[in-house]
Amino acid sequence: MRDAKTGGRNRPADGDYRRLRDLPRLVALWPREAHDKSIEGALRIIAKLRQAMRAERRRGSAGHWSYDLERHLSLARALKAEVASLEDKRRLPAP
């Protein structure tokens, strides 16, 4: 099925990030880690995403055959969304 919004590919639009759908495809996580909405859980996920971004950048800089631009963009999108979510959590007053 082709979709004009995604350039003909079956993938979400650039701003469409869903944690439970996208994170397991990007980094190795236990299901409970993906469902963890605490600040500590978000920090662990951000650390894993940053590590994966560094590895993907190294592959791209080296011209390695396994470099995947789509994965790189997905990691960047996920990292941006997770950092924004963490900032929102930190702004909320504690109950």
PDB file of N, CA and C in Angstrom:
ATOM      1  N   MET A   1       0.844  -1.181   0.000  1.00  0.00           N
ATOM      2  CA  MET A   1       0.000   0.000   0.000  1.00  0.00           C
ATOM      3  C   MET A   1       0.890   1.245   0.000  1.00  0.00           C
ATOM      4  N   ARG A   2       0.668   2.129  -0.934  1.00  0.00           N
ATOM      5  CA  ARG A   2       1.463   3.343  -1.033  1.00  0.00           C
ATOM      6  C   ARG A   2       0.724   4.497  -0.377  1.00  0.00           C
ATOM      7  N   ASP A   3       1.490   5.352   0.242  1.00  0.00           N
ATOM      8  CA  ASP A   3       0.909   6.475   0.954  1.00  0.00           C
ATOM      9  C   ASP A   3       1.644   7.742   0.539  1.00  0.00           C
ATOM     10  N   ALA A   4       0.920   8.706   0.020  1.00  0.00           N
ATOM     11  CA  ALA A   4       1.543   9.941  -0.465  1.00  0.00           C
ATOM     12  C   ALA A   4       2.208  10.717   0.668  1.00  0.00           C
ATOM     13  N   LYS A   5       1.662  10.633   1.868  1.00  0.00           N
ATOM     14  CA  LYS A   5       2.202  11.385   2.992  1.00  0.00           C
ATOM     15  C   LYS A   5       3.595  10.890   3.403  1.00  0.00           C
ATOM     16  N   THR A   6       3.886   9.629   3.179  1.00  0.00           N
ATOM     17  CA  THR A   6       5.176   9.080   3.573  1.00  0.00           C
ATOM     18  C   THR A   6       6.094   8.853   2.391  1.00  0.00           C
ATOM     19  N   GLY A   7       5.805   9.483   1.283  1.00  0.00           N
ATOM     20  CA  GLY A   7       6.664   9.338   0.119  1.00  0.00           C
ATOM     21  C   GLY A   7       6.523   7.987  -0.555  1.00  0.00           C
ATOM     22  N   GLY A   8       5.374   7.344  -0.377  1.00  0.00           N
ATOM     23  CA  GLY A   8       5.141   6.079  -1.035  1.00  0.00           C
ATOM     24  C   GLY A   8       5.567   4.865  -0.235  1.00  0.00           C
ATOM     25  N   ARG A   9       6.227   5.072   0.884  1.00  0.00           N
ATOM     26  CA  ARG A   9       6.664   3.945   1.698  1.00  0.00           C
ATOM     27  C   ARG A   9       5.669   3.704   2.827  1.00  0.00           C
ATOM     28  N   ASN A  10       5.684   2.501   3.337  1.00  0.00           N
ATOM     29  CA  ASN A  10       4.808   2.157   4.454  1.00  0.00           C
ATOM     30  C   ASN A  10       5.524   2.429   5.774  1.00  0.00           C
ATOM     31  N   ARG A  11       5.706   3.674   6.074  1.00  0.00           N
ATOM     32  CA  ARG A  11       6.318   4.059   7.342  1.00  0.00           C
ATOM     33  C   ARG A  11       5.604   5.311   7.837  1.00  0.00           C
ATOM     34  N   PRO A  12       5.701   5.570   9.137  1.00  0.00           N
ATOM     35  CA  PRO A  12       5.015   6.735   9.672  1.00  0.00           C
ATOM     36  C   PRO A  12       5.626   8.041   9.187  1.00  0.00           C
ATOM     37  N   ALA A  13       4.857   9.099   9.265  1.00  0.00           N
ATOM     38  CA  ALA A  13       5.365  10.429   8.926  1.00  0.00           C
ATOM     39  C   ALA A  13       6.485  10.792   9.898  1.00  0.00           C
ATOM     40  N   ASP A  14       7.307  11.753   9.524  1.00  0.00           N
ATOM     41  CA  ASP A  14       8.490  12.075  10.310  1.00  0.00           C
ATOM     42  C   ASP A  14       8.215  12.372  11.776  1.00  0.00           C
ATOM     43  N   GLY A  15       7.151  13.046  12.089  1.00  0.00           N
ATOM     44  CA  GLY A  15       6.884  13.404  13.473  1.00  0.00           C
ATOM     45  C   GLY A  15       6.124  12.353  14.258  1.00  0.00           C
ATOM     46  N   ASP A  16       5.809  11.238  13.664  1.00  0.00           N
ATOM     47  CA  ASP A  16       4.985  10.222  14.302  1.00  0.00           C
ATOM     48  C   ASP A  16       5.854   9.219  15.049  1.00  0.00           C
ATOM     49  N   TYR A  17       6.042   9.449  16.347  1.00  0.00           N
ATOM     50  CA  TYR A  17       6.826   8.542  17.183  1.00  0.00           C
ATOM     51  C   TYR A  17       5.907   7.953  18.236  1.00  0.00           C
ATOM     52  N   ARG A  18       5.871   6.641  18.289  1.00  0.00           N
ATOM     53  CA  ARG A  18       5.109   5.951  19.329  1.00  0.00           C
ATOM     54  C   ARG A  18       6.057   5.033  20.069  1.00  0.00           C
ATOM     55  N   ARG A  19       6.212   5.300  21.359  1.00  0.00           N
ATOM     56  CA  ARG A  19       7.203   4.636  22.182  1.00  0.00           C
ATOM     57  C   ARG A  19       7.094   3.108  22.142  1.00  0.00           C
ATOM     58  N   LEU A  20       5.918   2.580  22.384  1.00  0.00           N
ATOM     59  CA  LEU A  20       5.770   1.127  22.475  1.00  0.00           C
ATOM     60  C   LEU A  20       5.957   0.438  21.129  1.00  0.00           C
ATOM     61  N   ARG A  21       5.694   1.131  20.063  1.00  0.00           N
ATOM     62  CA  ARG A  21       5.875   0.562  18.732  1.00  0.00           C
ATOM     63  C   ARG A  21       7.321   0.694  18.257  1.00  0.00           C
ATOM     64  N   ASP A  22       7.915   1.865  18.468  1.00  0.00           N
ATOM     65  CA  ASP A  22       9.206   2.180  17.858  1.00  0.00           C
ATOM     66  C   ASP A  22      10.432   1.773  18.670  1.00  0.00           C
ATOM     67  N   LEU A  23      10.375   1.904  19.995  1.00  0.00           N
ATOM     68  CA  LEU A  23      11.568   1.627  20.800  1.00  0.00           C
ATOM     69  C   LEU A  23      12.109   0.212  20.647  1.00  0.00           C
ATOM     70  N   PRO A  24      11.265  -0.822  20.699  1.00  0.00           N
ATOM     71  CA  PRO A  24      11.831  -2.174  20.571  1.00  0.00           C
ATOM     72  C   PRO A  24      12.531  -2.422  19.232  1.00  0.00           C
ATOM     73  N   ARG A  25      12.187  -1.675  18.212  1.00  0.00           N
ATOM     74  CA  ARG A  25      12.848  -1.814  16.908  1.00  0.00           C
ATOM     75  C   ARG A  25      14.204  -1.108  16.873  1.00  0.00           C
ATOM     76  N   LEU A  26      14.407  -0.167  17.792  1.00  0.00           N
ATOM     77  CA  LEU A  26      15.605   0.657  17.757  1.00  0.00           C
ATOM     78  C   LEU A  26      16.677   0.227  18.754  1.00  0.00           C
ATOM     79  N   VAL A  27      16.265  -0.140  19.950  1.00  0.00           N
ATOM     80  CA  VAL A  27      17.215  -0.534  20.998  1.00  0.00           C
ATOM     81  C   VAL A  27      16.683  -1.775  21.713  1.00  0.00           C
ATOM     82  N   ALA A  28      17.609  -2.521  22.296  1.00  0.00           N
ATOM     83  CA  ALA A  28      17.215  -3.728  23.032  1.00  0.00           C
ATOM     84  C   ALA A  28      16.601  -3.323  24.369  1.00  0.00           C
ATOM     85  N   LEU A  29      15.340  -3.671  24.555  1.00  0.00           N
ATOM     86  CA  LEU A  29      14.617  -3.326  25.780  1.00  0.00           C
ATOM     87  C   LEU A  29      13.781  -4.503  26.250  1.00  0.00           C
ATOM     88  N   TRP A  30      13.625  -4.611  27.533  1.00  0.00           N
ATOM     89  CA  TRP A  30      12.629  -5.518  28.082  1.00  0.00           C
ATOM     90  C   TRP A  30      11.284  -4.817  27.981  1.00  0.00           C
ATOM     91  N   PRO A  31      10.199  -5.558  27.857  1.00  0.00           N
ATOM     92  CA  PRO A  31       8.873  -4.910  27.759  1.00  0.00           C
ATOM     93  C   PRO A  31       8.596  -3.960  28.922  1.00  0.00           C
ATOM     94  N   ARG A  32       9.022  -4.328  30.121  1.00  0.00           N
ATOM     95  CA  ARG A  32       8.761  -3.448  31.274  1.00  0.00           C
ATOM     96  C   ARG A  32       9.509  -2.124  31.148  1.00  0.00           C
ATOM     97  N   GLU A  33      10.660  -2.137  30.462  1.00  0.00           N
ATOM     98  CA  GLU A  33      11.410  -0.898  30.270  1.00  0.00           C
ATOM     99  C   GLU A  33      10.669   0.045  29.323  1.00  0.00           C
ATOM    100  N   ALA A  34      10.062  -0.490  28.295  1.00  0.00           N
ATOM    101  CA  ALA A  34       9.317   0.346  27.348  1.00  0.00           C
ATOM    102  C   ALA A  34       8.067   0.924  28.001  1.00  0.00           C
ATOM    103  N   HIS A  35       7.498   0.207  28.960  1.00  0.00           N
ATOM    104  CA  HIS A  35       6.280   0.666  29.636  1.00  0.00           C
ATOM    105  C   HIS A  35       6.581   1.583  30.825  1.00  0.00           C
ATOM    106  N   ASP A  36       7.833   1.662  31.242  1.00  0.00           N
ATOM    107  CA  ASP A  36       8.221   2.466  32.405  1.00  0.00           C
ATOM    108  C   ASP A  36       8.123   3.945  32.062  1.00  0.00           C
ATOM    109  N   LYS A  37       7.259   4.666  32.750  1.00  0.00           N
ATOM    110  CA  LYS A  37       7.057   6.086  32.472  1.00  0.00           C
ATOM    111  C   LYS A  37       7.690   6.986  33.543  1.00  0.00           C
ATOM    112  N   SER A  38       8.513   6.398  34.410  1.00  0.00           N
ATOM    113  CA  SER A  38       9.168   7.186  35.454  1.00  0.00           C
ATOM    114  C   SER A  38      10.324   7.997  34.862  1.00  0.00           C
ATOM    115  N   ILE A  39      10.796   8.949  35.636  1.00  0.00           N
ATOM    116  CA  ILE A  39      11.937   9.759  35.197  1.00  0.00           C
ATOM    117  C   ILE A  39      13.176   8.889  35.068  1.00  0.00           C
ATOM    118  N   GLU A  40      13.377   7.968  36.006  1.00  0.00           N
ATOM    119  CA  GLU A  40      14.536   7.074  35.954  1.00  0.00           C
ATOM    120  C   GLU A  40      14.483   6.177  34.711  1.00  0.00           C
ATOM    121  N   GLY A  41      13.295   5.694  34.389  1.00  0.00           N
ATOM    122  CA  GLY A  41      13.119   4.871  33.195  1.00  0.00           C
ATOM    123  C   GLY A  41      13.411   5.656  31.930  1.00  0.00           C
ATOM    124  N   ALA A  42      12.957   6.899  31.901  1.00  0.00           N
ATOM    125  CA  ALA A  42      13.215   7.753  30.743  1.00  0.00           C
ATOM    126  C   ALA A  42      14.707   8.016  30.585  1.00  0.00           C
ATOM    127  N   LEU A  43      15.401   8.215  31.690  1.00  0.00           N
ATOM    128  CA  LEU A  43      16.854   8.440  31.629  1.00  0.00           C
ATOM    129  C   LEU A  43      17.590   7.213  31.093  1.00  0.00           C
ATOM    130  N   ARG A  44      17.149   6.014  31.495  1.00  0.00           N
ATOM    131  CA  ARG A  44      17.768   4.785  30.982  1.00  0.00           C
ATOM    132  C   ARG A  44      17.545   4.648  29.474  1.00  0.00           C
ATOM    133  N   ILE A  45      16.333   4.938  29.035  1.00  0.00           N
ATOM    134  CA  ILE A  45      16.014   4.839  27.603  1.00  0.00           C
ATOM    135  C   ILE A  45      16.808   5.865  26.805  1.00  0.00           C
ATOM    136  N   ILE A  46      16.905   7.081  27.312  1.00  0.00           N
ATOM    137  CA  ILE A  46      17.675   8.129  26.633  1.00  0.00           C
ATOM    138  C   ILE A  46      19.142   7.722  26.525  1.00  0.00           C
ATOM    139  N   ALA A  47      19.675   7.120  27.576  1.00  0.00           N
ATOM    140  CA  ALA A  47      21.070   6.662  27.532  1.00  0.00           C
ATOM    141  C   ALA A  47      21.257   5.594  26.457  1.00  0.00           C
ATOM    142  N   LYS A  48      20.310   4.663  26.357  1.00  0.00           N
ATOM    143  CA  LYS A  48      20.403   3.619  25.330  1.00  0.00           C
ATOM    144  C   LYS A  48      20.275   4.214  23.927  1.00  0.00           C
ATOM    145  N   LEU A  49      19.384   5.177  23.766  1.00  0.00           N
ATOM    146  CA  LEU A  49      19.221   5.815  22.462  1.00  0.00           C
ATOM    147  C   LEU A  49      20.478   6.596  22.071  1.00  0.00           C
ATOM    148  N   ARG A  50      21.082   7.285  23.021  1.00  0.00           N
ATOM    149  CA  ARG A  50      22.317   8.032  22.725  1.00  0.00           C
ATOM    150  C   ARG A  50      23.439   7.086  22.332  1.00  0.00           C
ATOM    151  N   GLN A  51      23.533   5.952  23.013  1.00  0.00           N
ATOM    152  CA  GLN A  51      24.557   4.963  22.677  1.00  0.00           C
ATOM    153  C   GLN A  51      24.328   4.417  21.265  1.00  0.00           C
ATOM    154  N   ALA A  52      23.075   4.134  20.932  1.00  0.00           N
ATOM    155  CA  ALA A  52      22.753   3.634  19.593  1.00  0.00           C
ATOM    156  C   ALA A  52      23.034   4.694  18.533  1.00  0.00           C
ATOM    157  N   MET A  53      22.770   5.967  18.847  1.00  0.00           N
ATOM    158  CA  MET A  53      23.060   7.059  17.909  1.00  0.00           C
ATOM    159  C   MET A  53      24.557   7.165  17.648  1.00  0.00           C
ATOM    160  N   ARG A  54      25.361   7.051  18.715  1.00  0.00           N
ATOM    161  CA  ARG A  54      26.819   7.117  18.539  1.00  0.00           C
ATOM    162  C   ARG A  54      27.306   5.996  17.632  1.00  0.00           C
ATOM    163  N   ALA A  55      26.782   4.796  17.851  1.00  0.00           N
ATOM    164  CA  ALA A  55      27.189   3.651  17.035  1.00  0.00           C
ATOM    165  C   ALA A  55      26.782   3.848  15.575  1.00  0.00           C
ATOM    166  N   GLU A  56      25.573   4.364  15.368  1.00  0.00           N
ATOM    167  CA  GLU A  56      25.098   4.576  13.996  1.00  0.00           C
ATOM    168  C   GLU A  56      25.916   5.672  13.311  1.00  0.00           C
ATOM    169  N   ARG A  57      26.258   6.728  14.047  1.00  0.00           N
ATOM    170  CA  ARG A  57      27.104   7.792  13.485  1.00  0.00           C
ATOM    171  C   ARG A  57      28.476   7.261  13.090  1.00  0.00           C
ATOM    172  N   ARG A  58      29.042   6.407  13.960  1.00  0.00           N
ATOM    173  CA  ARG A  58      30.350   5.823  13.640  1.00  0.00           C
ATOM    174  C   ARG A  58      30.280   5.010  12.351  1.00  0.00           C
ATOM    175  N   ARG A  59      29.205   4.217  12.212  1.00  0.00           N
ATOM    176  CA  ARG A  59      29.055   3.424  10.986  1.00  0.00           C
ATOM    177  C   ARG A  59      28.934   4.333   9.765  1.00  0.00           C
ATOM    178  N   GLY A  60      28.164   5.410   9.897  1.00  0.00           N
ATOM    179  CA  GLY A  60      27.994   6.338   8.779  1.00  0.00           C
ATOM    180  C   GLY A  60      29.283   7.047   8.422  1.00  0.00           C
ATOM    181  N   SER A  61      30.025   7.508   9.430  1.00  0.00           N
ATOM    182  CA  SER A  61      31.288   8.219   9.181  1.00  0.00           C
ATOM    183  C   SER A  61      32.320   7.320   8.532  1.00  0.00           C
ATOM    184  N   ALA A  62      32.289   6.048   8.904  1.00  0.00           N
ATOM    185  CA  ALA A  62      33.253   5.096   8.363  1.00  0.00           C
ATOM    186  C   ALA A  62      32.848   4.579   6.989  1.00  0.00           C
ATOM    187  N   GLY A  63      31.637   4.903   6.559  1.00  0.00           N
ATOM    188  CA  GLY A  63      31.160   4.399   5.277  1.00  0.00           C
ATOM    189  C   GLY A  63      30.869   2.907   5.313  1.00  0.00           C
ATOM    190  N   HIS A  64      30.556   2.413   6.499  1.00  0.00           N
ATOM    191  CA  HIS A  64      30.307   0.977   6.669  1.00  0.00           C
ATOM    192  C   HIS A  64      29.046   0.560   5.924  1.00  0.00           C
ATOM    193  N   TRP A  65      29.068  -0.635   5.366  1.00  0.00           N
ATOM    194  CA  TRP A  65      27.942  -1.122   4.567  1.00  0.00           C
ATOM    195  C   TRP A  65      26.661  -1.275   5.384  1.00  0.00           C
ATOM    196  N   SER A  66      26.782  -1.440   6.710  1.00  0.00           N
ATOM    197  CA  SER A  66      25.584  -1.664   7.521  1.00  0.00           C
ATOM    198  C   SER A  66      24.912  -0.369   7.980  1.00  0.00           C
ATOM    199  N   TYR A  67      25.504   0.790   7.638  1.00  0.00           N
ATOM    200  CA  TYR A  67      24.876   2.054   8.015  1.00  0.00           C
ATOM    201  C   TYR A  67      23.511   2.170   7.354  1.00  0.00           C
ATOM    202  N   ASP A  68      22.526   2.613   8.151  1.00  0.00           N
ATOM    203  CA  ASP A  68      21.154   2.733   7.656  1.00  0.00           C
ATOM    204  C   ASP A  68      20.637   4.140   7.980  1.00  0.00           C
ATOM    205  N   LEU A  69      20.468   4.944   6.956  1.00  0.00           N
ATOM    206  CA  LEU A  69      20.002   6.318   7.147  1.00  0.00           C
ATOM    207  C   LEU A  69      18.624   6.341   7.816  1.00  0.00           C
ATOM    208  N   GLU A  70      17.749   5.444   7.422  1.00  0.00           N
ATOM    209  CA  GLU A  70      16.403   5.405   8.014  1.00  0.00           C
ATOM    210  C   GLU A  70      16.476   5.105   9.510  1.00  0.00           C
ATOM    211  N   ARG A  71      17.351   4.179   9.908  1.00  0.00           N
ATOM    212  CA  ARG A  71      17.532   3.873  11.329  1.00  0.00           C
ATOM    213  C   ARG A  71      18.093   5.091  12.054  1.00  0.00           C
ATOM    214  N   HIS A  72      19.056   5.763  11.434  1.00  0.00           N
ATOM    215  CA  HIS A  72      19.648   6.950  12.032  1.00  0.00           C
ATOM    216  C   HIS A  72      18.577   8.021  12.281  1.00  0.00           C
ATOM    217  N   LEU A  73      17.733   8.249  11.285  1.00  0.00           N
ATOM    218  CA  LEU A  73      16.662   9.233  11.435  1.00  0.00           C
ATOM    219  C   LEU A  73      15.648   8.799  12.498  1.00  0.00           C
ATOM    220  N   SER A  74      15.340   7.517  12.545  1.00  0.00           N
ATOM    221  CA  SER A  74      14.406   7.013  13.550  1.00  0.00           C
ATOM    222  C   SER A  74      14.972   7.157  14.955  1.00  0.00           C
ATOM    223  N   LEU A  75      16.257   6.892  15.110  1.00  0.00           N
ATOM    224  CA  LEU A  75      16.907   7.079  16.411  1.00  0.00           C
ATOM    225  C   LEU A  75      16.866   8.547  16.825  1.00  0.00           C
ATOM    226  N   ALA A  76      17.160   9.445  15.893  1.00  0.00           N
ATOM    227  CA  ALA A  76      17.136  10.875  16.193  1.00  0.00           C
ATOM    228  C   ALA A  76      15.729  11.324  16.587  1.00  0.00           C
ATOM    229  N   ARG A  77      14.732  10.832  15.878  1.00  0.00           N
ATOM    230  CA  ARG A  77      13.332  11.171  16.172  1.00  0.00           C
ATOM    231  C   ARG A  77      12.933  10.656  17.559  1.00  0.00           C
ATOM    232  N   ALA A  78      13.312   9.429  17.863  1.00  0.00           N
ATOM    233  CA  ALA A  78      12.978   8.840  19.161  1.00  0.00           C
ATOM    234  C   ALA A  78      13.691   9.576  20.294  1.00  0.00           C
ATOM    235  N   LEU A  79      14.955   9.894  20.089  1.00  0.00           N
ATOM    236  CA  LEU A  79      15.721  10.600  21.114  1.00  0.00           C
ATOM    237  C   LEU A  79      15.115  11.976  21.385  1.00  0.00           C
ATOM    238  N   LYS A  80      14.763  12.679  20.343  1.00  0.00           N
ATOM    239  CA  LYS A  80      14.149  14.004  20.496  1.00  0.00           C
ATOM    240  C   LYS A  80      12.830  13.905  21.261  1.00  0.00           C
ATOM    241  N   ALA A  81      12.011  12.917  20.933  1.00  0.00           N
ATOM    242  CA  ALA A  81      10.718  12.743  21.601  1.00  0.00           C
ATOM    243  C   ALA A  81      10.904  12.348  23.065  1.00  0.00           C
ATOM    244  N   GLU A  82      11.858  11.476  23.354  1.00  0.00           N
ATOM    245  CA  GLU A  82      12.089  11.035  24.738  1.00  0.00           C
ATOM    246  C   GLU A  82      12.636  12.175  25.599  1.00  0.00           C
ATOM    247  N   VAL A  83      13.530  12.986  25.036  1.00  0.00           N
ATOM    248  CA  VAL A  83      14.067  14.130  25.783  1.00  0.00           C
ATOM    249  C   VAL A  83      12.955  15.136  26.063  1.00  0.00           C
ATOM    250  N   ALA A  84      12.106  15.398  25.084  1.00  0.00           N
ATOM    251  CA  ALA A  84      10.986  16.323  25.285  1.00  0.00           C
ATOM    252  C   ALA A  84      10.023  15.786  26.347  1.00  0.00           C
ATOM    253  N   SER A  85       9.760  14.494  26.323  1.00  0.00           N
ATOM    254  CA  SER A  85       8.881  13.877  27.316  1.00  0.00           C
ATOM    255  C   SER A  85       9.484  13.989  28.714  1.00  0.00           C
ATOM    256  N   LEU A  86      10.791  13.773  28.819  1.00  0.00           N
ATOM    257  CA  LEU A  86      11.463  13.891  30.114  1.00  0.00           C
ATOM    258  C   LEU A  86      11.388  15.324  30.633  1.00  0.00           C
ATOM    259  N   GLU A  87      11.591  16.290  29.760  1.00  0.00           N
ATOM    260  CA  GLU A  87      11.506  17.691  30.178  1.00  0.00           C
ATOM    261  C   GLU A  87      10.101  18.025  30.672  1.00  0.00           C
ATOM    262  N   ASP A  88       9.080  17.488  30.016  1.00  0.00           N
ATOM    263  CA  ASP A  88       7.701  17.703  30.465  1.00  0.00           C
ATOM    264  C   ASP A  88       7.478  17.088  31.837  1.00  0.00           C
ATOM    265  N   LYS A  89       8.010  15.893  32.067  1.00  0.00           N
ATOM    266  CA  LYS A  89       7.855  15.224  33.365  1.00  0.00           C
ATOM    267  C   LYS A  89       8.525  16.019  34.470  1.00  0.00           C
ATOM    268  N   ARG A  90       9.673  16.587  34.163  1.00  0.00           N
ATOM    269  CA  ARG A  90      10.407  17.346  35.189  1.00  0.00           C
ATOM    270  C   ARG A  90       9.719  18.672  35.508  1.00  0.00           C
ATOM    271  N   ARG A  91       8.957  19.214  34.576  1.00  0.00           N
ATOM    272  CA  ARG A  91       8.245  20.474  34.817  1.00  0.00           C
ATOM    273  C   ARG A  91       7.020  20.293  35.693  1.00  0.00           C
ATOM    274  N   LEU A  92       6.437  19.100  35.671  1.00  0.00           N
ATOM    275  CA  LEU A  92       5.223  18.859  36.455  1.00  0.00           C
ATOM    276  C   LEU A  92       5.557  18.843  37.948  1.00  0.00           C
ATOM    277  N   PRO A  93       4.700  19.446  38.773  1.00  0.00           N
ATOM    278  CA  PRO A  93       4.951  19.408  40.215  1.00  0.00           C
ATOM    279  C   PRO A  93       4.730  17.990  40.756  1.00  0.00           C
ATOM    280  N   ALA A  94       5.515  17.634  41.750  1.00  0.00           N
ATOM    281  CA  ALA A  94       5.382  16.305  42.364  1.00  0.00           C
ATOM    282  C   ALA A  94       4.075  16.237  43.160  1.00  0.00           C
ATOM    283  N   PRO A  95       3.411  15.077  43.142  1.00  0.00           N
ATOM    284  CA  PRO A  95       2.130  14.960  43.876  1.00  0.00           C
ATOM    285  C   PRO A  95       2.316  14.945  45.369  1.00  0.00           C
TER     286      PRO A  95
END
